[in-house]
Amino acid sequence: MEHERNLTAQNAVILACTSMLLHVAAAQEKAGTHLEVVVLDRAMHEDPKKMRRRILEALDTLPGQIETV
């Protein structure tokens, strides 16, 4: 059996582009979660290399206690 982790505001964040924010908010409301959302500009989808670079930059800035993105 896989080890289940408790996702908390202290150890998890959601990474999403602006086009997904309403869906993320609805999912969090349904799940009863209040995780931080790290927002990326959806315009980055136009250039996958820039989007990848921005994702990696965002991941590098996360606090060390974040275990799940």
Protein backbone atom coordinates (compact mmCIF):
# COMPACT_ATOMS: atom_id res chain seq x y z
CA MET A 1 0.00 0.00 0.00
CA GLU A 2 1.29 3.41 -0.91
CA HIS A 3 2.07 5.80 1.94
CA GLU A 4 -0.52 8.56 2.03
CA ARG A 5 0.67 12.04 2.92
CA ASN A 6 -1.40 14.64 4.60
CA LEU A 7 -1.41 17.72 2.43
CA THR A 8 -1.30 20.83 4.55
CA ALA A 9 -0.73 24.51 3.92
CA GLN A 10 2.71 23.98 5.46
CA ASN A 11 3.92 21.19 3.15
CA ALA A 12 2.04 21.52 -0.14
CA VAL A 13 1.29 24.10 -2.81
CA ILE A 14 -0.55 24.13 -6.09
CA LEU A 15 1.24 25.37 -9.20
CA ALA A 16 -1.22 26.61 -11.84
CA CYS A 17 -1.44 29.01 -14.73
CA THR A 18 -3.96 31.83 -14.65
CA SER A 19 -6.32 29.97 -17.01
CA MET A 20 -6.84 27.28 -14.34
CA LEU A 21 -7.44 29.48 -11.29
CA LEU A 22 -11.24 29.17 -11.26
CA HIS A 23 -10.97 25.38 -11.56
CA VAL A 24 -8.37 25.22 -8.80
CA ALA A 25 -10.55 27.35 -6.53
CA ALA A 26 -13.59 25.15 -7.20
CA ALA A 27 -11.58 21.99 -6.55
CA GLN A 28 -10.19 23.36 -3.30
CA GLU A 29 -13.66 24.39 -2.16
CA LYS A 30 -15.03 20.93 -2.95
CA ALA A 31 -12.09 19.23 -1.21
CA GLY A 32 -12.13 21.63 1.72
CA THR A 33 -8.49 22.59 1.23
CA HIS A 34 -6.80 25.96 1.44
CA LEU A 35 -3.44 25.32 -0.17
CA GLU A 36 -1.34 28.18 -1.48
CA VAL A 37 -1.55 28.59 -5.24
CA VAL A 38 1.61 29.65 -7.06
CA VAL A 39 0.33 31.39 -10.17
CA LEU A 40 2.05 31.37 -13.54
CA ASP A 41 1.00 33.64 -16.41
CA ARG A 42 -0.89 31.63 -19.03
CA ALA A 43 0.88 33.62 -21.75
CA MET A 44 3.92 31.46 -21.03
CA HIS A 45 2.15 28.62 -22.89
CA GLU A 46 3.09 30.39 -26.11
CA ASP A 47 6.73 29.46 -25.54
CA PRO A 48 7.18 26.06 -23.85
CA LYS A 49 10.85 26.72 -23.11
CA LYS A 50 9.99 29.93 -21.26
CA MET A 51 7.18 28.15 -19.41
CA ARG A 52 9.53 25.36 -18.34
CA ARG A 53 12.12 27.88 -17.18
CA ARG A 54 9.47 29.81 -15.21
CA ILE A 55 8.19 26.60 -13.59
CA LEU A 56 11.70 25.68 -12.49
CA GLU A 57 12.23 29.21 -11.13
CA ALA A 58 8.97 28.97 -9.19
CA LEU A 59 9.98 25.59 -7.76
CA ASP A 60 13.37 26.97 -6.71
CA THR A 61 11.70 29.71 -4.66
CA LEU A 62 9.51 27.37 -2.62
CA PRO A 63 10.35 26.95 1.06
CA GLY A 64 12.21 23.78 2.04
CA GLN A 65 9.27 22.29 3.93
CA ILE A 66 7.21 22.00 0.73
CA GLU A 67 7.01 18.30 -0.13
CA THR A 68 4.20 18.25 -2.66
CA VAL A 69 3.51 20.48 -5.65
